[in-house]
Amino acid sequence: PEGSDTHALSLAGGSSELLLAAALAHTITEGNIVSPFPSYEAILNTATSRPGPDIQVRMIPLQADGSIDLVHMSESIDAQTKLVVLTNPNNPTGAVVQKTELVAFMAKLPATCTLIVDEAYI
């Protein structure tokens, strides 16, 4: 996009390549990943299946109505959390995190944590 730092742009033949590369880049050291469950798991599988340090995945159950429990996710993030993954709308439920909810959630993330929001289904 116009005005973007070209050093922050990555190009690929599809979003899966970029998402998987991001997962690997942010899970080189020990730590944990926080993600709703069920949700798209390719990023989590890649981050946890490669050789190297142990990465713990904290799967946060969806709420009874199928929506993503951002409060429980926030409470599950600690100093060892390297990556938070959100698919929005969620796959397979279709639950949508609204922009205001997402912005509030992002404001609570520690500076050492990376958030990946996969919006491939919009």
C-alpha atoms as a PDB file:
ATOM      1  CA  PRO A   1       0.000   0.000   0.000  1.00  0.00           C
ATOM      2  CA  GLU A   2       1.034   3.578  -0.595  1.00  0.00           C
ATOM      3  CA  GLY A   3       3.272   4.916   2.135  1.00  0.00           C
ATOM      4  CA  SER A   4       4.192   1.467   3.480  1.00  0.00           C
ATOM      5  CA  ASP A   5       7.732   0.652   4.461  1.00  0.00           C
ATOM      6  CA  THR A   6       8.871  -1.685   1.674  1.00  0.00           C
ATOM      7  CA  HIS A   7      11.010  -3.594   4.187  1.00  0.00           C
ATOM      8  CA  ALA A   8       7.804  -4.665   5.932  1.00  0.00           C
ATOM      9  CA  LEU A   9       6.221  -6.194   2.819  1.00  0.00           C
ATOM     10  CA  SER A  10       6.340  -9.863   1.888  1.00  0.00           C
ATOM     11  CA  LEU A  11       5.024 -11.404  -1.312  1.00  0.00           C
ATOM     12  CA  ALA A  12       3.985 -14.994  -1.948  1.00  0.00           C
ATOM     13  CA  GLY A  13       1.803 -17.137  -4.181  1.00  0.00           C
ATOM     14  CA  GLY A  14      -0.788 -17.433  -1.415  1.00  0.00           C
ATOM     15  CA  SER A  15      -1.373 -16.503   2.202  1.00  0.00           C
ATOM     16  CA  SER A  16      -0.450 -19.958   3.540  1.00  0.00           C
ATOM     17  CA  GLU A  17       3.224 -19.481   2.667  1.00  0.00           C
ATOM     18  CA  LEU A  18       3.382 -16.141   4.486  1.00  0.00           C
ATOM     19  CA  LEU A  19       1.437 -17.360   7.497  1.00  0.00           C
ATOM     20  CA  LEU A  20       3.652 -20.401   7.906  1.00  0.00           C
ATOM     21  CA  ALA A  21       6.824 -18.320   7.496  1.00  0.00           C
ATOM     22  CA  ALA A  22       5.578 -15.906  10.151  1.00  0.00           C
ATOM     23  CA  ALA A  23       4.812 -18.773  12.518  1.00  0.00           C
ATOM     24  CA  LEU A  24       8.302 -20.173  12.099  1.00  0.00           C
ATOM     25  CA  ALA A  25       9.972 -16.785  12.461  1.00  0.00           C
ATOM     26  CA  HIS A  26       8.202 -16.034  15.725  1.00  0.00           C
ATOM     27  CA  THR A  27       8.634 -19.433  17.338  1.00  0.00           C
ATOM     28  CA  ILE A  28      12.379 -19.925  16.990  1.00  0.00           C
ATOM     29  CA  THR A  29      12.827 -19.829  20.754  1.00  0.00           C
ATOM     30  CA  GLU A  30      10.871 -21.563  23.482  1.00  0.00           C
ATOM     31  CA  GLY A  31       7.551 -20.065  24.403  1.00  0.00           C
ATOM     32  CA  ASN A  32       3.896 -20.482  23.694  1.00  0.00           C
ATOM     33  CA  ILE A  33       1.258 -19.729  21.095  1.00  0.00           C
ATOM     34  CA  VAL A  34      -2.316 -18.765  21.951  1.00  0.00           C
ATOM     35  CA  SER A  35      -5.155 -19.578  19.569  1.00  0.00           C
ATOM     36  CA  PRO A  36      -8.884 -20.258  19.719  1.00  0.00           C
ATOM     37  CA  PHE A  37     -10.076 -23.839  19.230  1.00  0.00           C
ATOM     38  CA  PRO A  38     -11.397 -25.071  16.951  1.00  0.00           C
ATOM     39  CA  SER A  39      -9.796 -22.863  14.353  1.00  0.00           C
ATOM     40  CA  TYR A  40      -7.507 -23.068  11.316  1.00  0.00           C
ATOM     41  CA  GLU A  41      -4.534 -25.070  12.592  1.00  0.00           C
ATOM     42  CA  ALA A  42      -1.927 -25.004   9.802  1.00  0.00           C
ATOM     43  CA  ILE A  43       0.120 -22.280  11.513  1.00  0.00           C
ATOM     44  CA  LEU A  44       0.045 -24.104  14.844  1.00  0.00           C
ATOM     45  CA  ASN A  45       0.974 -27.431  13.275  1.00  0.00           C
ATOM     46  CA  THR A  46       3.934 -25.889  11.462  1.00  0.00           C
ATOM     47  CA  ALA A  47       5.234 -24.068  14.518  1.00  0.00           C
ATOM     48  CA  THR A  48       5.070 -27.165  16.711  1.00  0.00           C
ATOM     49  CA  SER A  49       6.213 -29.837  14.242  1.00  0.00           C
ATOM     50  CA  ARG A  50       9.656 -28.549  13.333  1.00  0.00           C
ATOM     51  CA  PRO A  51      12.765 -29.596  15.247  1.00  0.00           C
ATOM     52  CA  GLY A  52      13.987 -27.269  17.934  1.00  0.00           C
ATOM     53  CA  PRO A  53      12.708 -25.760  21.148  1.00  0.00           C
ATOM     54  CA  ASP A  54       9.438 -26.898  22.633  1.00  0.00           C
ATOM     55  CA  ILE A  55       6.554 -24.621  21.780  1.00  0.00           C
ATOM     56  CA  GLN A  56       3.415 -24.956  23.878  1.00  0.00           C
ATOM     57  CA  VAL A  57       0.110 -24.271  22.124  1.00  0.00           C
ATOM     58  CA  ARG A  58      -2.653 -22.930  24.319  1.00  0.00           C
ATOM     59  CA  MET A  59      -5.933 -23.767  22.607  1.00  0.00           C
ATOM     60  CA  ILE A  60      -8.669 -21.571  24.036  1.00  0.00           C
ATOM     61  CA  PRO A  61     -12.148 -23.105  23.675  1.00  0.00           C
ATOM     62  CA  LEU A  62     -14.794 -21.112  21.857  1.00  0.00           C
ATOM     63  CA  GLN A  63     -17.701 -19.741  23.830  1.00  0.00           C
ATOM     64  CA  ALA A  64     -20.999 -21.674  23.916  1.00  0.00           C
ATOM     65  CA  ASP A  65     -22.334 -19.587  20.993  1.00  0.00           C
ATOM     66  CA  GLY A  66     -19.265 -20.440  18.872  1.00  0.00           C
ATOM     67  CA  SER A  67     -17.634 -17.023  19.211  1.00  0.00           C
ATOM     68  CA  ILE A  68     -13.968 -16.484  20.025  1.00  0.00           C
ATOM     69  CA  ASP A  69     -13.340 -15.908  23.726  1.00  0.00           C
ATOM     70  CA  LEU A  70     -10.999 -12.902  23.593  1.00  0.00           C
ATOM     71  CA  VAL A  71     -11.168 -12.436  27.366  1.00  0.00           C
ATOM     72  CA  HIS A  72      -9.932 -15.975  28.023  1.00  0.00           C
ATOM     73  CA  MET A  73      -7.330 -15.575  25.280  1.00  0.00           C
ATOM     74  CA  SER A  74      -6.048 -12.353  26.907  1.00  0.00           C
ATOM     75  CA  GLU A  75      -5.854 -14.096  30.264  1.00  0.00           C
ATOM     76  CA  SER A  76      -3.818 -16.927  28.685  1.00  0.00           C
ATOM     77  CA  ILE A  77      -1.117 -14.622  27.319  1.00  0.00           C
ATOM     78  CA  ASP A  78       1.985 -14.262  29.449  1.00  0.00           C
ATOM     79  CA  ALA A  79       5.616 -13.159  29.146  1.00  0.00           C
ATOM     80  CA  GLN A  80       6.441 -16.409  27.297  1.00  0.00           C
ATOM     81  CA  THR A  81       3.765 -15.931  24.610  1.00  0.00           C
ATOM     82  CA  LYS A  82       5.490 -15.407  21.265  1.00  0.00           C
ATOM     83  CA  LEU A  83       2.511 -15.594  18.951  1.00  0.00           C
ATOM     84  CA  VAL A  84      -1.266 -15.157  19.022  1.00  0.00           C
ATOM     85  CA  VAL A  85      -3.188 -16.464  16.017  1.00  0.00           C
ATOM     86  CA  LEU A  86      -6.711 -15.400  15.041  1.00  0.00           C
ATOM     87  CA  THR A  87      -8.570 -16.492  11.939  1.00  0.00           C
ATOM     88  CA  ASN A  88     -11.287 -13.924  11.319  1.00  0.00           C
ATOM     89  CA  PRO A  89     -13.908 -15.012  10.481  1.00  0.00           C
ATOM     90  CA  ASN A  90     -13.042 -18.173  12.354  1.00  0.00           C
ATOM     91  CA  ASN A  91     -12.703 -21.380  10.389  1.00  0.00           C
ATOM     92  CA  PRO A  92     -14.759 -23.603  10.809  1.00  0.00           C
ATOM     93  CA  THR A  93     -17.410 -21.671  12.797  1.00  0.00           C
ATOM     94  CA  GLY A  94     -17.611 -18.411  10.831  1.00  0.00           C
ATOM     95  CA  ALA A  95     -17.574 -16.368  14.065  1.00  0.00           C
ATOM     96  CA  VAL A  96     -16.421 -12.790  13.430  1.00  0.00           C
ATOM     97  CA  VAL A  97     -14.349 -10.627  15.772  1.00  0.00           C
ATOM     98  CA  GLN A  98     -15.484  -7.054  15.245  1.00  0.00           C
ATOM     99  CA  LYS A  99     -12.919  -4.296  14.640  1.00  0.00           C
ATOM    100  CA  THR A 100     -13.554  -2.625  18.015  1.00  0.00           C
ATOM    101  CA  GLU A 101     -13.070  -5.953  19.824  1.00  0.00           C
ATOM    102  CA  LEU A 102      -9.891  -6.665  17.882  1.00  0.00           C
ATOM    103  CA  VAL A 103      -8.417  -3.222  18.586  1.00  0.00           C
ATOM    104  CA  ALA A 104      -9.158  -3.596  22.326  1.00  0.00           C
ATOM    105  CA  PHE A 105      -7.600  -7.077  22.313  1.00  0.00           C
ATOM    106  CA  MET A 106      -4.496  -5.795  20.505  1.00  0.00           C
ATOM    107  CA  ALA A 107      -4.043  -3.024  23.077  1.00  0.00           C
ATOM    108  CA  LYS A 108      -3.607  -5.669  25.805  1.00  0.00           C
ATOM    109  CA  LEU A 109      -0.858  -7.605  24.013  1.00  0.00           C
ATOM    110  CA  PRO A 110       2.676  -7.347  25.388  1.00  0.00           C
ATOM    111  CA  ALA A 111       5.249  -5.787  23.059  1.00  0.00           C
ATOM    112  CA  THR A 112       7.089  -9.125  22.877  1.00  0.00           C
ATOM    113  CA  CYS A 113       4.083 -10.897  21.367  1.00  0.00           C
ATOM    114  CA  THR A 114       3.160 -10.985  17.673  1.00  0.00           C
ATOM    115  CA  LEU A 115      -0.466 -11.163  16.556  1.00  0.00           C
ATOM    116  CA  ILE A 116      -1.326 -12.843  13.259  1.00  0.00           C
ATOM    117  CA  VAL A 117      -4.841 -12.113  12.018  1.00  0.00           C
ATOM    118  CA  ASP A 118      -5.698 -14.321   9.068  1.00  0.00           C
ATOM    119  CA  GLU A 119      -8.613 -12.735   7.227  1.00  0.00           C
ATOM    120  CA  ALA A 120      -8.495 -14.977   4.167  1.00  0.00           C
ATOM    121  CA  TYR A 121     -12.205 -15.747   4.455  1.00  0.00           C
ATOM    122  CA  ILE A 122     -13.466 -12.159   4.224  1.00  0.00           C
END
